[in-house]
């Protein structure tokens, strides 16, 4: 069975050593993740950060997808089926299209911080809102993940839950999605236990 890790940018993932994941499966990530880790696949759908990633030279040497790629800079066009989706769901969709049958979603918090504010590990950095902003609306992300899970019924999706991860009824009801506590996940990857 092929395994993938899709890294969202919710703050629940702060305690995870992402470099450990590369030894356990393919890593897919979103937006500014490339500042700290080179995933196997990077996705950015918002034009300002997508442009910056391409202009940095990153896409010439790494697999990078966006909505409006500059082929001369090495970027790739997102698959048509999910092109209108946000970065996180697109990364999940690419992991599915790459035939990974077990997909762990880490940092897909889709809820506010404990103070009911913007939940993103890159808040207060270039291309991101400040940490004082209200939380981002996530209804579209939820609907997009539901559709992807329906499109790939033989794929097992595992959403990692941390303290700032929102419980979402629509995601809880997906037959091929399970939920795993962040502490249990960290214990498994740090101690090389079976995932």
Protein backbone atom coordinates (compact mmCIF):
# COMPACT_ATOMS: atom_id res chain seq x y z
CA UNK A 1 0.00 0.00 0.00
CA UNK A 2 1.32 3.43 -0.91
CA UNK A 3 1.19 6.10 1.78
CA UNK A 4 1.18 9.89 1.52
CA UNK A 5 1.21 12.74 3.99
CA UNK A 6 -0.54 15.96 3.03
CA UNK A 7 0.64 18.88 5.13
CA UNK A 8 -1.81 21.69 5.76
CA UNK A 9 -0.73 24.82 7.56
CA UNK A 10 -2.87 24.73 10.68
CA UNK A 11 -0.96 25.34 13.90
CA UNK A 12 -1.76 21.86 15.25
CA UNK A 13 1.20 20.53 13.26
CA UNK A 14 3.78 22.62 15.15
CA UNK A 15 5.08 19.71 17.22
CA UNK A 16 5.66 17.33 14.31
CA UNK A 17 9.11 16.83 12.81
CA UNK A 18 8.08 16.85 9.16
CA UNK A 19 11.44 15.48 7.98
CA UNK A 20 10.51 12.14 9.59
CA UNK A 21 7.53 11.84 7.25
CA UNK A 22 9.66 11.74 4.11
CA UNK A 23 11.03 8.36 5.19
CA UNK A 24 7.50 6.97 5.57
CA UNK A 25 5.83 8.07 2.35
CA UNK A 26 5.42 10.87 -0.17
CA UNK A 27 4.88 14.34 1.27
CA UNK A 28 2.51 16.85 -0.33
CA UNK A 29 2.31 20.40 0.94
CA UNK A 30 0.80 23.81 0.49
CA UNK A 31 2.00 27.33 -0.07
CA UNK A 32 4.78 28.47 2.30
CA UNK A 33 5.66 24.94 3.45
CA UNK A 34 8.60 25.15 1.02
CA UNK A 35 10.24 27.67 3.37
CA UNK A 36 10.95 24.88 5.87
CA UNK A 37 10.69 21.62 3.93
CA UNK A 38 10.89 20.51 0.31
CA UNK A 39 7.90 18.20 -0.12
CA UNK A 40 7.60 15.73 -2.99
CA UNK A 41 4.75 17.90 -4.32
CA UNK A 42 3.92 21.54 -3.52
CA UNK A 43 0.65 23.32 -4.38
CA UNK A 44 -0.24 27.02 -4.29
CA UNK A 45 -3.49 28.35 -5.72
CA UNK A 46 -3.30 31.98 -4.57
CA UNK A 47 -1.58 33.99 -7.25
CA UNK A 48 0.81 36.15 -5.14
CA UNK A 49 2.48 33.23 -3.36
CA UNK A 50 2.34 31.02 -6.48
CA UNK A 51 4.16 33.73 -8.43
CA UNK A 52 6.76 34.14 -5.69
CA UNK A 53 7.40 30.39 -5.57
CA UNK A 54 7.91 30.27 -9.34
CA UNK A 55 10.14 33.35 -9.39
CA UNK A 56 12.28 31.90 -6.57
CA UNK A 57 13.41 29.10 -8.91
CA UNK A 58 11.78 26.44 -6.72
CA UNK A 59 9.62 25.03 -9.52
CA UNK A 60 12.60 24.40 -11.81
CA UNK A 61 13.91 21.69 -9.48
CA UNK A 62 10.77 20.55 -7.65
CA UNK A 63 7.27 19.35 -8.51
CA UNK A 64 5.08 22.44 -8.08
CA UNK A 65 1.45 22.91 -9.20
CA UNK A 66 -0.66 26.03 -9.55
CA UNK A 67 -3.63 27.38 -11.51
CA UNK A 68 -1.64 29.62 -13.86
CA UNK A 69 1.83 28.16 -14.19
CA UNK A 70 4.69 29.72 -16.07
CA UNK A 71 6.10 26.69 -17.93
CA UNK A 72 9.42 28.51 -18.43
CA UNK A 73 9.79 28.56 -14.65
CA UNK A 74 8.99 24.86 -14.32
CA UNK A 75 5.53 25.01 -12.73
CA UNK A 76 2.79 22.54 -13.62
CA UNK A 77 -0.92 23.10 -14.23
CA UNK A 78 -3.25 21.68 -11.59
CA UNK A 79 -5.46 18.81 -12.81
CA UNK A 80 -8.70 20.08 -14.31
CA UNK A 81 -10.92 18.10 -11.93
CA UNK A 82 -9.76 20.12 -8.89
CA UNK A 83 -8.28 23.26 -10.44
CA UNK A 84 -10.87 25.52 -8.83
CA UNK A 85 -10.22 24.05 -5.39
CA UNK A 86 -8.07 25.54 -2.63
CA UNK A 87 -4.45 24.52 -2.07
CA UNK A 88 -5.03 21.91 0.67
CA UNK A 89 -7.77 20.00 -1.16
CA UNK A 90 -5.71 20.18 -4.38
CA UNK A 91 -2.76 18.62 -2.56
CA UNK A 92 -5.06 15.83 -1.32
CA UNK A 93 -6.42 15.39 -4.85
CA UNK A 94 -2.90 15.09 -6.29
CA UNK A 95 -2.01 12.49 -3.65
CA UNK A 96 -5.05 10.51 -4.81
CA UNK A 97 -4.26 10.92 -8.49
CA UNK A 98 -0.73 9.66 -7.74
CA UNK A 99 -2.43 6.42 -6.56
CA UNK A 100 -1.62 6.72 -2.87
CA UNK A 101 -4.12 4.53 -1.04
CA UNK A 102 -3.52 5.80 2.48
CA UNK A 103 -3.47 9.58 2.91
CA UNK A 104 -2.69 11.25 6.23
CA UNK A 105 -3.85 14.88 6.48
CA UNK A 106 -1.87 16.87 9.04
CA UNK A 107 -2.49 20.54 9.86
CA UNK A 108 -5.97 20.49 8.30
CA UNK A 109 -7.32 22.28 11.37
CA UNK A 110 -10.17 24.11 9.63
CA UNK A 111 -10.99 25.95 12.80
CA UNK A 112 -9.76 28.97 14.76
CA UNK A 113 -7.01 29.22 17.34
CA UNK A 114 -7.93 28.88 21.01
CA UNK A 115 -8.52 32.66 20.99
CA UNK A 116 -10.92 32.34 18.02
CA UNK A 117 -8.45 33.92 15.58
CA UNK A 118 -6.76 33.08 12.25
CA UNK A 119 -5.24 29.61 12.47
CA UNK A 120 -2.18 29.35 10.24
CA UNK A 121 1.38 28.46 11.13
CA UNK A 122 2.61 31.18 8.72
CA UNK A 123 0.42 34.01 10.11
CA UNK A 124 2.29 37.30 10.30
CA UNK A 125 4.59 36.39 7.38
CA UNK A 126 4.58 37.48 3.74
CA UNK A 127 1.40 36.52 1.81
CA UNK A 128 -0.51 35.66 5.01
CA UNK A 129 -2.98 37.46 7.26
CA UNK A 130 -1.85 38.53 10.69
CA UNK A 131 -2.53 36.34 13.70
CA UNK A 132 -5.10 38.94 14.86
CA UNK A 133 -7.45 38.26 11.93
CA UNK A 134 -10.70 36.37 12.45
CA UNK A 135 -10.72 32.72 11.33
CA UNK A 136 -10.97 31.86 7.65
CA UNK A 137 -14.26 30.47 6.29
CA UNK A 138 -13.69 26.77 5.59
CA UNK A 139 -17.00 25.56 4.16
CA UNK A 140 -15.59 25.34 0.64
CA UNK A 141 -12.57 23.31 1.85
CA UNK A 142 -14.88 20.85 3.61
CA UNK A 143 -17.06 20.40 0.52
CA UNK A 144 -13.97 19.93 -1.66
CA UNK A 145 -12.54 17.24 0.64
CA UNK A 146 -15.90 15.44 0.72
CA UNK A 147 -15.98 15.33 -3.08
CA UNK A 148 -12.40 14.04 -3.32
CA UNK A 149 -13.14 11.29 -0.78
CA UNK A 150 -16.21 10.33 -2.84
CA UNK A 151 -14.12 10.32 -6.05
CA UNK A 152 -11.64 7.88 -4.45
CA UNK A 153 -13.72 5.42 -2.39
CA UNK A 154 -10.88 2.87 -2.17
CA UNK A 155 -8.50 5.43 -0.64
CA UNK A 156 -8.29 5.68 3.15
CA UNK A 157 -8.09 9.24 4.47
CA UNK A 158 -6.77 9.83 7.99
CA UNK A 159 -7.23 13.33 9.44
CA UNK A 160 -4.87 14.05 12.32
CA UNK A 161 -6.54 15.89 15.21
CA UNK A 162 -4.71 18.35 17.47
CA UNK A 163 -5.93 20.89 20.01
CA UNK A 164 -6.90 23.44 17.33
CA UNK A 165 -8.44 20.96 14.88
CA UNK A 166 -12.16 21.53 14.44
CA UNK A 167 -14.59 18.62 14.55
CA UNK A 168 -16.63 18.86 11.37
CA UNK A 169 -19.72 16.68 11.01
CA UNK A 170 -19.44 16.43 7.21
CA UNK A 171 -15.90 15.06 7.50
CA UNK A 172 -16.81 12.77 10.40
CA UNK A 173 -19.50 11.16 8.26
CA UNK A 174 -17.22 10.20 5.34
CA UNK A 175 -17.04 6.41 5.19
CA UNK A 176 -13.41 6.26 4.07
CA UNK A 177 -12.11 8.91 6.49
CA UNK A 178 -10.91 8.18 10.00
CA UNK A 179 -9.48 10.44 12.66
CA UNK A 180 -6.27 9.97 14.61
CA UNK A 181 -5.16 11.89 17.69
CA UNK A 182 -2.02 13.98 17.07
CA UNK A 183 -0.21 12.52 20.12
CA UNK A 184 -0.79 8.98 18.86
CA UNK A 185 0.40 9.99 15.39
CA UNK A 186 3.61 11.57 16.74
CA UNK A 187 4.26 8.51 18.90
CA UNK A 188 3.88 6.23 15.87
CA UNK A 189 6.20 8.19 13.59
CA UNK A 190 8.84 8.98 16.24
CA UNK A 191 9.01 5.40 17.48
CA UNK A 192 8.64 3.78 14.05
CA UNK A 193 5.38 2.11 15.01
CA UNK A 194 3.01 0.83 12.37
CA UNK A 195 0.83 3.52 10.84
